[in-house]
């Protein structure tokens, strides 16, 4: 159970699990739903969730499809479902995702450095 809690410690992994909670999604769909994350990062998160037995995957041609393994969560499944329905959780998730985001922030432009006159 400790590895499950540790795996769910990042907001991105919790969001991925929420995305596949009700049904199967392809890795590409998950990537597009997250928006500001590289496909490689999504792939790493999916692998970690799968290693913790929280996701199951199946291959169809060149695509991989993922779905939640709710039985792997035990009593945490009900807690997660109630949390995801909460508007305050969604606000908290957005803040956590923004805080954990790497690279330049969207919408902020850096001003060019002023040149000093001599």
C-alpha atoms as a PDB file:
ATOM      1  CA  UNK A   1       0.000   0.000   0.000  1.00  0.00           C
ATOM      2  CA  UNK A   2       2.926   2.350   0.696  1.00  0.00           C
ATOM      3  CA  UNK A   3       4.126   2.104  -2.933  1.00  0.00           C
ATOM      4  CA  UNK A   4       0.614   2.941  -4.140  1.00  0.00           C
ATOM      5  CA  UNK A   5       0.483   6.041  -1.961  1.00  0.00           C
ATOM      6  CA  UNK A   6       3.989   7.037  -3.045  1.00  0.00           C
ATOM      7  CA  UNK A   7       3.076   6.551  -6.716  1.00  0.00           C
ATOM      8  CA  UNK A   8      -0.008   8.740  -6.293  1.00  0.00           C
ATOM      9  CA  UNK A   9       2.087  11.419  -4.616  1.00  0.00           C
ATOM     10  CA  UNK A  10       2.417  13.454  -7.808  1.00  0.00           C
ATOM     11  CA  UNK A  11      -0.509  15.436  -9.193  1.00  0.00           C
ATOM     12  CA  UNK A  12       0.149  14.299 -12.772  1.00  0.00           C
ATOM     13  CA  UNK A  13      -0.202  10.633 -11.873  1.00  0.00           C
ATOM     14  CA  UNK A  14      -3.411  11.298  -9.968  1.00  0.00           C
ATOM     15  CA  UNK A  15      -4.735  13.181 -12.995  1.00  0.00           C
ATOM     16  CA  UNK A  16      -3.775  10.340 -15.353  1.00  0.00           C
ATOM     17  CA  UNK A  17      -5.530   7.863 -13.089  1.00  0.00           C
ATOM     18  CA  UNK A  18      -8.628  10.095 -13.068  1.00  0.00           C
ATOM     19  CA  UNK A  19      -8.582  10.248 -16.878  1.00  0.00           C
ATOM     20  CA  UNK A  20      -8.679   6.458 -17.226  1.00  0.00           C
ATOM     21  CA  UNK A  21     -10.912   5.782 -14.215  1.00  0.00           C
ATOM     22  CA  UNK A  22     -14.152   5.288 -16.147  1.00  0.00           C
ATOM     23  CA  UNK A  23     -12.756   3.772 -19.298  1.00  0.00           C
ATOM     24  CA  UNK A  24      -9.843   2.941 -21.473  1.00  0.00           C
ATOM     25  CA  UNK A  25      -7.843   5.670 -23.204  1.00  0.00           C
ATOM     26  CA  UNK A  26      -4.905   5.578 -25.560  1.00  0.00           C
ATOM     27  CA  UNK A  27      -1.563   7.017 -24.519  1.00  0.00           C
ATOM     28  CA  UNK A  28      -2.050   9.741 -27.137  1.00  0.00           C
ATOM     29  CA  UNK A  29      -5.443  10.722 -25.707  1.00  0.00           C
ATOM     30  CA  UNK A  30      -3.940  10.938 -22.225  1.00  0.00           C
ATOM     31  CA  UNK A  31      -1.085  13.066 -23.555  1.00  0.00           C
ATOM     32  CA  UNK A  32      -3.482  15.460 -25.308  1.00  0.00           C
ATOM     33  CA  UNK A  33      -5.672  15.743 -22.188  1.00  0.00           C
ATOM     34  CA  UNK A  34      -2.701  16.811 -20.070  1.00  0.00           C
ATOM     35  CA  UNK A  35      -1.677  19.482 -22.552  1.00  0.00           C
ATOM     36  CA  UNK A  36       1.607  20.880 -21.288  1.00  0.00           C
ATOM     37  CA  UNK A  37       3.555  17.646 -20.740  1.00  0.00           C
ATOM     38  CA  UNK A  38       5.785  15.895 -23.241  1.00  0.00           C
ATOM     39  CA  UNK A  39       4.763  12.486 -24.502  1.00  0.00           C
ATOM     40  CA  UNK A  40       7.915  11.028 -22.957  1.00  0.00           C
ATOM     41  CA  UNK A  41       6.941  12.346 -19.520  1.00  0.00           C
ATOM     42  CA  UNK A  42       3.431  10.920 -19.897  1.00  0.00           C
ATOM     43  CA  UNK A  43       4.922   7.583 -20.897  1.00  0.00           C
ATOM     44  CA  UNK A  44       7.094   7.540 -17.769  1.00  0.00           C
ATOM     45  CA  UNK A  45       4.096   8.317 -15.553  1.00  0.00           C
ATOM     46  CA  UNK A  46       2.072   5.568 -17.236  1.00  0.00           C
ATOM     47  CA  UNK A  47       4.879   3.075 -16.688  1.00  0.00           C
ATOM     48  CA  UNK A  48       5.132   4.011 -13.014  1.00  0.00           C
ATOM     49  CA  UNK A  49       1.367   3.652 -12.537  1.00  0.00           C
ATOM     50  CA  UNK A  50       1.425   0.317 -14.306  1.00  0.00           C
ATOM     51  CA  UNK A  51       4.359  -0.910 -12.190  1.00  0.00           C
ATOM     52  CA  UNK A  52       2.342  -0.060  -9.072  1.00  0.00           C
ATOM     53  CA  UNK A  53      -0.567  -2.164 -10.445  1.00  0.00           C
ATOM     54  CA  UNK A  54      -2.814   0.893 -10.723  1.00  0.00           C
ATOM     55  CA  UNK A  55      -3.188   0.650 -14.512  1.00  0.00           C
ATOM     56  CA  UNK A  56      -3.561  -2.158 -16.972  1.00  0.00           C
ATOM     57  CA  UNK A  57      -2.512  -1.764 -20.560  1.00  0.00           C
ATOM     58  CA  UNK A  58      -3.172  -3.531 -23.795  1.00  0.00           C
ATOM     59  CA  UNK A  59      -1.561  -3.172 -27.161  1.00  0.00           C
ATOM     60  CA  UNK A  60      -3.527  -2.791 -30.371  1.00  0.00           C
ATOM     61  CA  UNK A  61      -1.324  -2.357 -33.379  1.00  0.00           C
ATOM     62  CA  UNK A  62       1.061   0.473 -32.619  1.00  0.00           C
ATOM     63  CA  UNK A  63      -1.115   1.968 -29.895  1.00  0.00           C
ATOM     64  CA  UNK A  64      -1.298   1.231 -26.196  1.00  0.00           C
ATOM     65  CA  UNK A  65      -4.510   1.636 -24.257  1.00  0.00           C
ATOM     66  CA  UNK A  66      -4.693   2.152 -20.508  1.00  0.00           C
ATOM     67  CA  UNK A  67      -7.431   1.659 -17.929  1.00  0.00           C
ATOM     68  CA  UNK A  68      -7.530   1.941 -14.150  1.00  0.00           C
ATOM     69  CA  UNK A  69      -7.198  -1.172 -12.015  1.00  0.00           C
ATOM     70  CA  UNK A  70      -9.509  -0.077  -9.243  1.00  0.00           C
ATOM     71  CA  UNK A  71      -8.938  -3.297  -7.336  1.00  0.00           C
ATOM     72  CA  UNK A  72      -5.281  -2.287  -6.893  1.00  0.00           C
ATOM     73  CA  UNK A  73      -6.356   0.680  -4.791  1.00  0.00           C
ATOM     74  CA  UNK A  74      -8.514  -1.094  -2.260  1.00  0.00           C
ATOM     75  CA  UNK A  75     -10.114   1.435   0.115  1.00  0.00           C
ATOM     76  CA  UNK A  76      -8.337   4.341  -1.587  1.00  0.00           C
ATOM     77  CA  UNK A  77     -10.590   3.949  -4.653  1.00  0.00           C
ATOM     78  CA  UNK A  78     -13.649   5.364  -2.908  1.00  0.00           C
ATOM     79  CA  UNK A  79     -11.627   8.215  -1.417  1.00  0.00           C
ATOM     80  CA  UNK A  80     -10.205   9.148  -4.843  1.00  0.00           C
ATOM     81  CA  UNK A  81     -13.654   9.112  -6.457  1.00  0.00           C
ATOM     82  CA  UNK A  82     -15.079  11.442  -3.825  1.00  0.00           C
ATOM     83  CA  UNK A  83     -12.038  13.724  -4.091  1.00  0.00           C
ATOM     84  CA  UNK A  84     -12.291  14.006  -7.878  1.00  0.00           C
ATOM     85  CA  UNK A  85     -15.890  15.201  -7.649  1.00  0.00           C
ATOM     86  CA  UNK A  86     -14.874  18.096  -5.431  1.00  0.00           C
ATOM     87  CA  UNK A  87     -14.392  21.541  -7.006  1.00  0.00           C
ATOM     88  CA  UNK A  88     -11.801  22.455  -4.377  1.00  0.00           C
ATOM     89  CA  UNK A  89      -9.756  19.410  -5.411  1.00  0.00           C
ATOM     90  CA  UNK A  90      -9.788  20.547  -9.046  1.00  0.00           C
ATOM     91  CA  UNK A  91      -8.516  23.978  -7.990  1.00  0.00           C
ATOM     92  CA  UNK A  92      -5.817  22.366  -5.823  1.00  0.00           C
ATOM     93  CA  UNK A  93      -4.815  20.104  -8.724  1.00  0.00           C
ATOM     94  CA  UNK A  94      -4.421  23.056 -11.080  1.00  0.00           C
ATOM     95  CA  UNK A  95      -2.215  24.837  -8.553  1.00  0.00           C
ATOM     96  CA  UNK A  96      -0.099  21.700  -7.991  1.00  0.00           C
ATOM     97  CA  UNK A  97       0.273  21.085 -11.711  1.00  0.00           C
ATOM     98  CA  UNK A  98       1.329  24.681 -12.310  1.00  0.00           C
ATOM     99  CA  UNK A  99       3.807  24.508  -9.434  1.00  0.00           C
ATOM    100  CA  UNK A 100       5.355  21.260 -10.711  1.00  0.00           C
ATOM    101  CA  UNK A 101       5.526  22.496 -14.304  1.00  0.00           C
ATOM    102  CA  UNK A 102       8.985  22.905 -15.767  1.00  0.00           C
ATOM    103  CA  UNK A 103      10.118  25.392 -18.328  1.00  0.00           C
ATOM    104  CA  UNK A 104       8.790  28.852 -19.116  1.00  0.00           C
ATOM    105  CA  UNK A 105       5.349  29.719 -17.821  1.00  0.00           C
ATOM    106  CA  UNK A 106       2.705  30.162 -20.530  1.00  0.00           C
ATOM    107  CA  UNK A 107       1.576  33.700 -21.191  1.00  0.00           C
ATOM    108  CA  UNK A 108       4.621  35.355 -19.694  1.00  0.00           C
ATOM    109  CA  UNK A 109       6.974  37.001 -22.075  1.00  0.00           C
ATOM    110  CA  UNK A 110      10.428  37.883 -21.034  1.00  0.00           C
ATOM    111  CA  UNK A 111      11.408  41.423 -21.735  1.00  0.00           C
ATOM    112  CA  UNK A 112      14.650  41.896 -23.571  1.00  0.00           C
ATOM    113  CA  UNK A 113      17.366  43.313 -21.351  1.00  0.00           C
ATOM    114  CA  UNK A 114      17.692  47.054 -21.533  1.00  0.00           C
ATOM    115  CA  UNK A 115      20.796  48.304 -23.172  1.00  0.00           C
ATOM    116  CA  UNK A 116      22.694  50.852 -21.181  1.00  0.00           C
ATOM    117  CA  UNK A 117      23.637  54.053 -22.857  1.00  0.00           C
ATOM    118  CA  UNK A 118      27.234  55.114 -22.645  1.00  0.00           C
END
